[in-house]
């Protein structure tokens, strides 16, 4: 069974390995697993940011929660880049990632 992606998707962006540009079953499974991993990483970001959001700013646990949130966001950004998604501005806005977490990642 072979699947052909829409023409607007370049074979290099979706990871097609065959020279003909046809998406074979294995490539389809790999893309599905990338998408599932991205979803799991997004859930971890939501969870970590949720815990951070309810913690008071002067709490001694806050620093640990910021680190955990930064680790989750970093892993999510890496997974997005592995899927070919390079810009994170929309995600930062959608998840309302606080500046203190982004600063932990080295963003300015």
PDB file of N, CA and C in Angstrom:
ATOM      1  N   UNK A   1       0.847  -1.174   0.000  1.00  0.00           N
ATOM      2  CA  UNK A   1       0.000   0.000   0.000  1.00  0.00           C
ATOM      3  C   UNK A   1       0.886   1.228   0.000  1.00  0.00           C
ATOM      4  N   UNK A   2       0.637   2.159  -0.888  1.00  0.00           N
ATOM      5  CA  UNK A   2       1.397   3.398  -0.962  1.00  0.00           C
ATOM      6  C   UNK A   2       0.443   4.574  -0.900  1.00  0.00           C
ATOM      7  N   UNK A   3       0.844   5.590  -0.183  1.00  0.00           N
ATOM      8  CA  UNK A   3       0.056   6.809  -0.067  1.00  0.00           C
ATOM      9  C   UNK A   3       0.820   7.948  -0.708  1.00  0.00           C
ATOM     10  N   UNK A   4       0.131   8.787  -1.409  1.00  0.00           N
ATOM     11  CA  UNK A   4       0.781   9.926  -2.050  1.00  0.00           C
ATOM     12  C   UNK A   4       0.343  11.194  -1.333  1.00  0.00           C
ATOM     13  N   UNK A   5       1.305  11.960  -0.780  1.00  0.00           N
ATOM     14  CA  UNK A   5       0.940  13.193  -0.077  1.00  0.00           C
ATOM     15  C   UNK A   5       0.497  14.267  -1.064  1.00  0.00           C
ATOM     16  N   UNK A   6      -0.271  15.258  -0.596  1.00  0.00           N
ATOM     17  CA  UNK A   6      -0.643  16.367  -1.477  1.00  0.00           C
ATOM     18  C   UNK A   6       0.605  17.038  -2.038  1.00  0.00           C
ATOM     19  N   UNK A   7       0.497  17.578  -3.229  1.00  0.00           N
ATOM     20  CA  UNK A   7       1.666  18.125  -3.924  1.00  0.00           C
ATOM     21  C   UNK A   7       2.289  19.308  -3.205  1.00  0.00           C
ATOM     22  N   UNK A   8       1.536  19.987  -2.348  1.00  0.00           N
ATOM     23  CA  UNK A   8       2.112  21.149  -1.673  1.00  0.00           C
ATOM     24  C   UNK A   8       3.117  20.759  -0.593  1.00  0.00           C
ATOM     25  N   UNK A   9       3.136  19.485  -0.211  1.00  0.00           N
ATOM     26  CA  UNK A   9       4.100  19.033   0.784  1.00  0.00           C
ATOM     27  C   UNK A   9       5.332  18.509   0.069  1.00  0.00           C
ATOM     28  N   UNK A  10       6.467  19.057   0.417  1.00  0.00           N
ATOM     29  CA  UNK A  10       7.710  18.604  -0.176  1.00  0.00           C
ATOM     30  C   UNK A  10       8.125  17.305   0.493  1.00  0.00           C
ATOM     31  N   UNK A  11       8.720  16.426  -0.251  1.00  0.00           N
ATOM     32  CA  UNK A  11       9.115  15.143   0.319  1.00  0.00           C
ATOM     33  C   UNK A  11      10.150  15.310   1.414  1.00  0.00           C
ATOM     34  N   UNK A  12      11.003  16.333   1.332  1.00  0.00           N
ATOM     35  CA  UNK A  12      12.007  16.521   2.370  1.00  0.00           C
ATOM     36  C   UNK A  12      11.381  16.973   3.682  1.00  0.00           C
ATOM     37  N   UNK A  13      10.253  17.680   3.640  1.00  0.00           N
ATOM     38  CA  UNK A  13       9.620  18.188   4.852  1.00  0.00           C
ATOM     39  C   UNK A  13       8.915  17.093   5.628  1.00  0.00           C
ATOM     40  N   UNK A  14       8.417  16.072   4.926  1.00  0.00           N
ATOM     41  CA  UNK A  14       7.682  15.021   5.627  1.00  0.00           C
ATOM     42  C   UNK A  14       8.499  13.752   5.804  1.00  0.00           C
ATOM     43  N   UNK A  15       9.706  13.744   5.332  1.00  0.00           N
ATOM     44  CA  UNK A  15      10.585  12.611   5.573  1.00  0.00           C
ATOM     45  C   UNK A  15      10.365  11.426   4.658  1.00  0.00           C
ATOM     46  N   UNK A  16       9.933  11.638   3.438  1.00  0.00           N
ATOM     47  CA  UNK A  16       9.742  10.542   2.491  1.00  0.00           C
ATOM     48  C   UNK A  16      11.105  10.017   2.074  1.00  0.00           C
ATOM     49  N   UNK A  17      11.276   8.721   2.193  1.00  0.00           N
ATOM     50  CA  UNK A  17      12.585   8.149   1.909  1.00  0.00           C
ATOM     51  C   UNK A  17      12.720   7.612   0.494  1.00  0.00           C
ATOM     52  N   UNK A  18      11.624   7.369  -0.174  1.00  0.00           N
ATOM     53  CA  UNK A  18      11.730   6.783  -1.502  1.00  0.00           C
ATOM     54  C   UNK A  18      11.988   7.862  -2.546  1.00  0.00           C
ATOM     55  N   UNK A  19      12.663   7.484  -3.602  1.00  0.00           N
ATOM     56  CA  UNK A  19      13.025   8.431  -4.656  1.00  0.00           C
ATOM     57  C   UNK A  19      11.800   8.884  -5.451  1.00  0.00           C
ATOM     58  N   UNK A  20      10.762   8.083  -5.504  1.00  0.00           N
ATOM     59  CA  UNK A  20       9.591   8.430  -6.291  1.00  0.00           C
ATOM     60  C   UNK A  20       8.679   9.430  -5.592  1.00  0.00           C
ATOM     61  N   UNK A  21       8.902   9.661  -4.307  1.00  0.00           N
ATOM     62  CA  UNK A  21       8.066  10.598  -3.583  1.00  0.00           C
ATOM     63  C   UNK A  21       6.790   9.980  -3.053  1.00  0.00           C
ATOM     64  N   UNK A  22       6.642   8.692  -3.185  1.00  0.00           N
ATOM     65  CA  UNK A  22       5.459   8.001  -2.689  1.00  0.00           C
ATOM     66  C   UNK A  22       5.675   7.652  -1.228  1.00  0.00           C
ATOM     67  N   UNK A  23       4.676   7.923  -0.428  1.00  0.00           N
ATOM     68  CA  UNK A  23       4.739   7.652   1.001  1.00  0.00           C
ATOM     69  C   UNK A  23       4.360   6.192   1.231  1.00  0.00           C
ATOM     70  N   UNK A  24       5.338   5.366   1.599  1.00  0.00           N
ATOM     71  CA  UNK A  24       5.012   3.966   1.811  1.00  0.00           C
ATOM     72  C   UNK A  24       4.458   3.768   3.219  1.00  0.00           C
ATOM     73  N   UNK A  25       4.056   2.569   3.515  1.00  0.00           N
ATOM     74  CA  UNK A  25       3.400   2.271   4.785  1.00  0.00           C
ATOM     75  C   UNK A  25       4.296   2.574   5.973  1.00  0.00           C
ATOM     76  N   UNK A  26       5.563   2.250   5.882  1.00  0.00           N
ATOM     77  CA  UNK A  26       6.488   2.515   6.979  1.00  0.00           C
ATOM     78  C   UNK A  26       6.626   4.016   7.227  1.00  0.00           C
ATOM     79  N   UNK A  27       6.759   4.791   6.156  1.00  0.00           N
ATOM     80  CA  UNK A  27       6.845   6.246   6.307  1.00  0.00           C
ATOM     81  C   UNK A  27       5.574   6.798   6.957  1.00  0.00           C
ATOM     82  N   UNK A  28       4.443   6.244   6.564  1.00  0.00           N
ATOM     83  CA  UNK A  28       3.171   6.666   7.143  1.00  0.00           C
ATOM     84  C   UNK A  28       3.148   6.376   8.647  1.00  0.00           C
ATOM     85  N   UNK A  29       3.601   5.220   9.035  1.00  0.00           N
ATOM     86  CA  UNK A  29       3.657   4.858  10.456  1.00  0.00           C
ATOM     87  C   UNK A  29       4.616   5.769  11.223  1.00  0.00           C
ATOM     88  N   UNK A  30       5.743   6.089  10.626  1.00  0.00           N
ATOM     89  CA  UNK A  30       6.717   6.972  11.275  1.00  0.00           C
ATOM     90  C   UNK A  30       6.116   8.362  11.483  1.00  0.00           C
ATOM     91  N   UNK A  31       5.433   8.873  10.461  1.00  0.00           N
ATOM     92  CA  UNK A  31       4.789  10.179  10.601  1.00  0.00           C
ATOM     93  C   UNK A  31       3.718  10.152  11.686  1.00  0.00           C
ATOM     94  N   UNK A  32       2.995   9.061  11.763  1.00  0.00           N
ATOM     95  CA  UNK A  32       1.982   8.924  12.808  1.00  0.00           C
ATOM     96  C   UNK A  32       2.596   8.922  14.196  1.00  0.00           C
ATOM     97  N   UNK A  33       3.720   8.256  14.338  1.00  0.00           N
ATOM     98  CA  UNK A  33       4.401   8.210  15.632  1.00  0.00           C
ATOM     99  C   UNK A  33       4.979   9.582  15.995  1.00  0.00           C
ATOM    100  N   UNK A  34       5.493  10.306  15.001  1.00  0.00           N
ATOM    101  CA  UNK A  34       5.976  11.673  15.261  1.00  0.00           C
ATOM    102  C   UNK A  34       4.837  12.549  15.775  1.00  0.00           C
ATOM    103  N   UNK A  35       3.673  12.431  15.153  1.00  0.00           N
ATOM    104  CA  UNK A  35       2.519  13.225  15.565  1.00  0.00           C
ATOM    105  C   UNK A  35       2.061  12.839  16.972  1.00  0.00           C
ATOM    106  N   UNK A  36       2.055  11.548  17.264  1.00  0.00           N
ATOM    107  CA  UNK A  36       1.656  11.096  18.598  1.00  0.00           C
ATOM    108  C   UNK A  36       2.647  11.579  19.657  1.00  0.00           C
ATOM    109  N   UNK A  37       3.933  11.519  19.342  1.00  0.00           N
ATOM    110  CA  UNK A  37       4.947  11.997  20.280  1.00  0.00           C
ATOM    111  C   UNK A  37       4.807  13.499  20.512  1.00  0.00           C
ATOM    112  N   UNK A  38       4.467  14.233  19.466  1.00  0.00           N
ATOM    113  CA  UNK A  38       4.247  15.665  19.601  1.00  0.00           C
ATOM    114  C   UNK A  38       3.044  15.936  20.515  1.00  0.00           C
ATOM    115  N   UNK A  39       2.012  15.167  20.364  1.00  0.00           N
ATOM    116  CA  UNK A  39       0.838  15.310  21.227  1.00  0.00           C
ATOM    117  C   UNK A  39       1.155  15.022  22.682  1.00  0.00           C
ATOM    118  N   UNK A  40       1.922  13.954  22.934  1.00  0.00           N
ATOM    119  CA  UNK A  40       2.310  13.634  24.312  1.00  0.00           C
ATOM    120  C   UNK A  40       3.174  14.739  24.911  1.00  0.00           C
ATOM    121  N   UNK A  41       4.082  15.281  24.111  1.00  0.00           N
ATOM    122  CA  UNK A  41       4.939  16.367  24.594  1.00  0.00           C
ATOM    123  C   UNK A  41       4.101  17.603  24.908  1.00  0.00           C
ATOM    124  N   UNK A  42       3.094  17.881  24.102  1.00  0.00           N
ATOM    125  CA  UNK A  42       2.201  19.006  24.357  1.00  0.00           C
ATOM    126  C   UNK A  42       1.411  18.828  25.646  1.00  0.00           C
ATOM    127  N   UNK A  43       0.991  17.601  25.915  1.00  0.00           N
ATOM    128  CA  UNK A  43       0.277  17.326  27.165  1.00  0.00           C
ATOM    129  C   UNK A  43       1.182  17.558  28.372  1.00  0.00           C
ATOM    130  N   UNK A  44       2.450  17.203  28.252  1.00  0.00           N
ATOM    131  CA  UNK A  44       3.397  17.436  29.349  1.00  0.00           C
ATOM    132  C   UNK A  44       3.601  18.923  29.580  1.00  0.00           C
ATOM    133  N   UNK A  45       3.634  19.696  28.497  1.00  0.00           N
ATOM    134  CA  UNK A  45       3.761  21.150  28.630  1.00  0.00           C
ATOM    135  C   UNK A  45       2.544  21.706  29.364  1.00  0.00           C
ATOM    136  N   UNK A  46       1.359  21.304  28.950  1.00  0.00           N
ATOM    137  CA  UNK A  46       0.144  21.785  29.603  1.00  0.00           C
ATOM    138  C   UNK A  46       0.133  21.445  31.084  1.00  0.00           C
ATOM    139  N   UNK A  47       0.523  20.236  31.414  1.00  0.00           N
ATOM    140  CA  UNK A  47       0.546  19.804  32.803  1.00  0.00           C
ATOM    141  C   UNK A  47       1.549  20.611  33.624  1.00  0.00           C
ATOM    142  N   UNK A  48       2.758  20.766  33.088  1.00  0.00           N
ATOM    143  CA  UNK A  48       3.795  21.505  33.811  1.00  0.00           C
ATOM    144  C   UNK A  48       3.415  22.971  33.978  1.00  0.00           C
ATOM    145  N   UNK A  49       2.852  23.573  32.938  1.00  0.00           N
ATOM    146  CA  UNK A  49       2.446  24.973  33.039  1.00  0.00           C
ATOM    147  C   UNK A  49       1.248  25.134  33.973  1.00  0.00           C
ATOM    148  N   UNK A  50       0.385  24.145  34.023  1.00  0.00           N
ATOM    149  CA  UNK A  50      -0.744  24.183  34.950  1.00  0.00           C
ATOM    150  C   UNK A  50      -0.280  24.166  36.395  1.00  0.00           C
ATOM    151  N   UNK A  51       0.687  23.291  36.694  1.00  0.00           N
ATOM    152  CA  UNK A  51       1.235  23.246  38.058  1.00  0.00           C
ATOM    153  C   UNK A  51       1.929  24.556  38.407  1.00  0.00           C
ATOM    154  N   UNK A  52       2.654  25.115  37.439  1.00  0.00           N
ATOM    155  CA  UNK A  52       3.356  26.369  37.669  1.00  0.00           C
ATOM    156  C   UNK A  52       2.369  27.519  37.862  1.00  0.00           C
ATOM    157  N   UNK A  53       1.280  27.503  37.130  1.00  0.00           N
ATOM    158  CA  UNK A  53       0.313  28.591  37.193  1.00  0.00           C
ATOM    159  C   UNK A  53      -0.405  28.721  38.520  1.00  0.00           C
ATOM    160  N   UNK A  54      -0.582  27.624  39.231  1.00  0.00           N
ATOM    161  CA  UNK A  54      -1.292  27.684  40.514  1.00  0.00           C
ATOM    162  C   UNK A  54      -0.351  27.923  41.693  1.00  0.00           C
ATOM    163  N   UNK A  55       0.934  27.888  41.447  1.00  0.00           N
ATOM    164  CA  UNK A  55       1.912  28.085  42.521  1.00  0.00           C
ATOM    165  C   UNK A  55       2.137  29.583  42.744  1.00  0.00           C
ATOM    166  N   UNK A  56       2.074  30.033  44.000  1.00  0.00           N
ATOM    167  CA  UNK A  56       2.331  31.459  44.274  1.00  0.00           C
ATOM    168  C   UNK A  56       3.747  31.861  43.879  1.00  0.00           C
ATOM    169  N   UNK A  57       3.895  33.135  43.511  1.00  0.00           N
ATOM    170  CA  UNK A  57       5.191  33.640  43.041  1.00  0.00           C
ATOM    171  C   UNK A  57       6.272  33.588  44.110  1.00  0.00           C
ATOM    172  N   UNK A  58       5.900  33.640  45.373  1.00  0.00           N
ATOM    173  CA  UNK A  58       6.893  33.644  46.448  1.00  0.00           C
ATOM    174  C   UNK A  58       7.112  32.262  47.068  1.00  0.00           C
ATOM    175  N   UNK A  59       6.570  31.234  46.450  1.00  0.00           N
ATOM    176  CA  UNK A  59       6.690  29.873  46.969  1.00  0.00           C
ATOM    177  C   UNK A  59       8.113  29.341  46.779  1.00  0.00           C
ATOM    178  N   UNK A  60       8.610  28.590  47.755  1.00  0.00           N
ATOM    179  CA  UNK A  60       9.941  27.985  47.589  1.00  0.00           C
ATOM    180  C   UNK A  60       9.973  26.897  46.508  1.00  0.00           C
ATOM    181  N   UNK A  61       8.817  26.331  46.176  1.00  0.00           N
ATOM    182  CA  UNK A  61       8.755  25.298  45.135  1.00  0.00           C
ATOM    183  C   UNK A  61       8.733  25.884  43.728  1.00  0.00           C
ATOM    184  N   UNK A  62       8.554  27.172  43.630  1.00  0.00           N
ATOM    185  CA  UNK A  62       8.388  27.822  42.323  1.00  0.00           C
ATOM    186  C   UNK A  62       9.567  27.563  41.398  1.00  0.00           C
ATOM    187  N   UNK A  63      10.784  27.668  41.904  1.00  0.00           N
ATOM    188  CA  UNK A  63      11.978  27.478  41.069  1.00  0.00           C
ATOM    189  C   UNK A  63      12.017  26.071  40.467  1.00  0.00           C
ATOM    190  N   UNK A  64      11.655  25.086  41.268  1.00  0.00           N
ATOM    191  CA  UNK A  64      11.625  23.705  40.779  1.00  0.00           C
ATOM    192  C   UNK A  64      10.565  23.544  39.682  1.00  0.00           C
ATOM    193  N   UNK A  65       9.399  24.166  39.874  1.00  0.00           N
ATOM    194  CA  UNK A  65       8.332  24.072  38.884  1.00  0.00           C
ATOM    195  C   UNK A  65       8.693  24.809  37.598  1.00  0.00           C
ATOM    196  N   UNK A  66       9.417  25.926  37.722  1.00  0.00           N
ATOM    197  CA  UNK A  66       9.878  26.640  36.523  1.00  0.00           C
ATOM    198  C   UNK A  66      10.833  25.756  35.741  1.00  0.00           C
ATOM    199  N   UNK A  67      11.737  25.079  36.437  1.00  0.00           N
ATOM    200  CA  UNK A  67      12.680  24.171  35.771  1.00  0.00           C
ATOM    201  C   UNK A  67      11.945  23.031  35.076  1.00  0.00           C
ATOM    202  N   UNK A  68      10.966  22.446  35.737  1.00  0.00           N
ATOM    203  CA  UNK A  68      10.201  21.360  35.129  1.00  0.00           C
ATOM    204  C   UNK A  68       9.436  21.851  33.898  1.00  0.00           C
ATOM    205  N   UNK A  69       8.855  23.035  33.997  1.00  0.00           N
ATOM    206  CA  UNK A  69       8.136  23.591  32.853  1.00  0.00           C
ATOM    207  C   UNK A  69       9.097  23.884  31.704  1.00  0.00           C
ATOM    208  N   UNK A  70      10.262  24.424  32.013  1.00  0.00           N
ATOM    209  CA  UNK A  70      11.249  24.715  30.969  1.00  0.00           C
ATOM    210  C   UNK A  70      11.711  23.425  30.292  1.00  0.00           C
ATOM    211  N   UNK A  71      11.903  22.372  31.069  1.00  0.00           N
ATOM    212  CA  UNK A  71      12.297  21.082  30.483  1.00  0.00           C
ATOM    213  C   UNK A  71      11.212  20.543  29.554  1.00  0.00           C
ATOM    214  N   UNK A  72       9.957  20.660  29.972  1.00  0.00           N
ATOM    215  CA  UNK A  72       8.844  20.178  29.148  1.00  0.00           C
ATOM    216  C   UNK A  72       8.721  21.005  27.872  1.00  0.00           C
ATOM    217  N   UNK A  73       8.851  22.325  27.982  1.00  0.00           N
ATOM    218  CA  UNK A  73       8.757  23.192  26.809  1.00  0.00           C
ATOM    219  C   UNK A  73       9.915  22.920  25.859  1.00  0.00           C
ATOM    220  N   UNK A  74      11.106  22.728  26.398  1.00  0.00           N
ATOM    221  CA  UNK A  74      12.274  22.435  25.568  1.00  0.00           C
ATOM    222  C   UNK A  74      12.063  21.136  24.776  1.00  0.00           C
ATOM    223  N   UNK A  75      11.591  20.091  25.461  1.00  0.00           N
ATOM    224  CA  UNK A  75      11.332  18.816  24.789  1.00  0.00           C
ATOM    225  C   UNK A  75      10.255  18.979  23.713  1.00  0.00           C
ATOM    226  N   UNK A  76       9.259  19.790  23.987  1.00  0.00           N
ATOM    227  CA  UNK A  76       8.193  20.037  23.016  1.00  0.00           C
ATOM    228  C   UNK A  76       8.729  20.772  21.795  1.00  0.00           C
ATOM    229  N   UNK A  77       9.553  21.782  22.016  1.00  0.00           N
ATOM    230  CA  UNK A  77      10.145  22.511  20.901  1.00  0.00           C
ATOM    231  C   UNK A  77      11.010  21.600  20.044  1.00  0.00           C
ATOM    232  N   UNK A  78      11.776  20.734  20.670  1.00  0.00           N
ATOM    233  CA  UNK A  78      12.613  19.790  19.919  1.00  0.00           C
ATOM    234  C   UNK A  78      11.735  18.866  19.085  1.00  0.00           C
ATOM    235  N   UNK A  79      10.674  18.345  19.683  1.00  0.00           N
ATOM    236  CA  UNK A  79       9.782  17.445  18.948  1.00  0.00           C
ATOM    237  C   UNK A  79       9.124  18.166  17.780  1.00  0.00           C
ATOM    238  N   UNK A  80       8.733  19.429  17.976  1.00  0.00           N
ATOM    239  CA  UNK A  80       8.161  20.214  16.881  1.00  0.00           C
ATOM    240  C   UNK A  80       9.162  20.363  15.746  1.00  0.00           C
ATOM    241  N   UNK A  81      10.413  20.630  16.097  1.00  0.00           N
ATOM    242  CA  UNK A  81      11.437  20.791  15.058  1.00  0.00           C
ATOM    243  C   UNK A  81      11.689  19.482  14.320  1.00  0.00           C
ATOM    244  N   UNK A  82      11.604  18.361  15.023  1.00  0.00           N
ATOM    245  CA  UNK A  82      11.748  17.068  14.357  1.00  0.00           C
ATOM    246  C   UNK A  82      10.604  16.805  13.378  1.00  0.00           C
ATOM    247  N   UNK A  83       9.464  17.423  13.634  1.00  0.00           N
ATOM    248  CA  UNK A  83       8.315  17.303  12.734  1.00  0.00           C
ATOM    249  C   UNK A  83       8.346  18.345  11.625  1.00  0.00           C
ATOM    250  N   UNK A  84       9.371  19.194  11.612  1.00  0.00           N
ATOM    251  CA  UNK A  84       9.500  20.195  10.562  1.00  0.00           C
ATOM    252  C   UNK A  84       8.869  21.532  10.903  1.00  0.00           C
ATOM    253  N   UNK A  85       8.423  21.705  12.136  1.00  0.00           N
ATOM    254  CA  UNK A  85       7.794  22.955  12.567  1.00  0.00           C
ATOM    255  C   UNK A  85       8.841  23.795  13.288  1.00  0.00           C
ATOM    256  N   UNK A  86       9.323  24.826  12.644  1.00  0.00           N
ATOM    257  CA  UNK A  86      10.461  25.587  13.150  1.00  0.00           C
ATOM    258  C   UNK A  86      10.087  26.825  13.960  1.00  0.00           C
ATOM    259  N   UNK A  87       8.938  27.415  13.707  1.00  0.00           N
ATOM    260  CA  UNK A  87       8.550  28.645  14.398  1.00  0.00           C
ATOM    261  C   UNK A  87       7.696  28.310  15.611  1.00  0.00           C
ATOM    262  N   UNK A  88       8.056  28.901  16.730  1.00  0.00           N
ATOM    263  CA  UNK A  88       7.376  28.574  17.980  1.00  0.00           C
ATOM    264  C   UNK A  88       6.536  29.721  18.532  1.00  0.00           C
ATOM    265  N   UNK A  89       6.467  30.838  17.832  1.00  0.00           N
ATOM    266  CA  UNK A  89       5.759  32.014  18.348  1.00  0.00           C
ATOM    267  C   UNK A  89       4.287  31.722  18.635  1.00  0.00           C
ATOM    268  N   UNK A  90       3.625  31.031  17.729  1.00  0.00           N
ATOM    269  CA  UNK A  90       2.208  30.728  17.929  1.00  0.00           C
ATOM    270  C   UNK A  90       2.000  29.802  19.129  1.00  0.00           C
ATOM    271  N   UNK A  91       2.896  28.852  19.296  1.00  0.00           N
ATOM    272  CA  UNK A  91       2.799  27.913  20.410  1.00  0.00           C
ATOM    273  C   UNK A  91       3.018  28.637  21.732  1.00  0.00           C
ATOM    274  N   UNK A  92       3.974  29.547  21.755  1.00  0.00           N
ATOM    275  CA  UNK A  92       4.243  30.318  22.972  1.00  0.00           C
ATOM    276  C   UNK A  92       2.993  31.100  23.363  1.00  0.00           C
ATOM    277  N   UNK A  93       2.336  31.693  22.387  1.00  0.00           N
ATOM    278  CA  UNK A  93       1.121  32.462  22.653  1.00  0.00           C
ATOM    279  C   UNK A  93      -0.034  31.531  23.043  1.00  0.00           C
ATOM    280  N   UNK A  94      -0.185  30.414  22.332  1.00  0.00           N
ATOM    281  CA  UNK A  94      -1.300  29.502  22.589  1.00  0.00           C
ATOM    282  C   UNK A  94      -1.221  28.882  23.984  1.00  0.00           C
ATOM    283  N   UNK A  95      -0.038  28.462  24.390  1.00  0.00           N
ATOM    284  CA  UNK A  95       0.143  27.855  25.704  1.00  0.00           C
ATOM    285  C   UNK A  95       0.360  28.898  26.800  1.00  0.00           C
ATOM    286  N   UNK A  96       0.484  30.172  26.433  1.00  0.00           N
ATOM    287  CA  UNK A  96       0.763  31.256  27.384  1.00  0.00           C
ATOM    288  C   UNK A  96       1.987  30.918  28.238  1.00  0.00           C
ATOM    289  N   UNK A  97       3.067  30.585  27.563  1.00  0.00           N
ATOM    290  CA  UNK A  97       4.298  30.214  28.259  1.00  0.00           C
ATOM    291  C   UNK A  97       4.879  31.473  28.895  1.00  0.00           C
ATOM    292  N   UNK A  98       5.059  31.460  30.218  1.00  0.00           N
ATOM    293  CA  UNK A  98       5.550  32.659  30.900  1.00  0.00           C
ATOM    294  C   UNK A  98       6.988  33.002  30.517  1.00  0.00           C
ATOM    295  N   UNK A  99       7.314  34.269  30.663  1.00  0.00           N
ATOM    296  CA  UNK A  99       8.651  34.750  30.318  1.00  0.00           C
ATOM    297  C   UNK A  99       9.729  34.058  31.150  1.00  0.00           C
ATOM    298  N   UNK A 100       9.426  33.760  32.428  1.00  0.00           N
ATOM    299  CA  UNK A 100      10.438  33.120  33.266  1.00  0.00           C
ATOM    300  C   UNK A 100      10.818  31.729  32.748  1.00  0.00           C
ATOM    301  N   UNK A 101       9.876  31.054  32.098  1.00  0.00           N
ATOM    302  CA  UNK A 101      10.174  29.746  31.503  1.00  0.00           C
ATOM    303  C   UNK A 101      10.992  29.939  30.232  1.00  0.00           C
ATOM    304  N   UNK A 102      10.604  30.897  29.406  1.00  0.00           N
ATOM    305  CA  UNK A 102      11.327  31.159  28.175  1.00  0.00           C
ATOM    306  C   UNK A 102      12.758  31.632  28.458  1.00  0.00           C
ATOM    307  N   UNK A 103      12.924  32.430  29.500  1.00  0.00           N
ATOM    308  CA  UNK A 103      14.280  32.869  29.864  1.00  0.00           C
ATOM    309  C   UNK A 103      15.137  31.678  30.275  1.00  0.00           C
ATOM    310  N   UNK A 104      14.531  30.689  30.877  1.00  0.00           N
ATOM    311  CA  UNK A 104      15.245  29.460  31.259  1.00  0.00           C
ATOM    312  C   UNK A 104      15.777  28.731  30.030  1.00  0.00           C
ATOM    313  N   UNK A 105      15.079  28.916  28.897  1.00  0.00           N
ATOM    314  CA  UNK A 105      15.478  28.276  27.642  1.00  0.00           C
ATOM    315  C   UNK A 105      16.509  29.104  26.885  1.00  0.00           C
ATOM    316  N   UNK A 106      16.759  30.313  27.358  1.00  0.00           N
ATOM    317  CA  UNK A 106      17.719  31.174  26.684  1.00  0.00           C
ATOM    318  C   UNK A 106      17.089  32.143  25.704  1.00  0.00           C
ATOM    319  N   UNK A 107      15.746  32.218  25.699  1.00  0.00           N
ATOM    320  CA  UNK A 107      15.068  33.158  24.809  1.00  0.00           C
ATOM    321  C   UNK A 107      15.192  34.559  25.380  1.00  0.00           C
ATOM    322  N   UNK A 108      15.218  35.522  24.487  1.00  0.00           N
ATOM    323  CA  UNK A 108      15.330  36.913  24.954  1.00  0.00           C
ATOM    324  C   UNK A 108      14.060  37.679  24.698  1.00  0.00           C
TER     325      UNK A 108
END
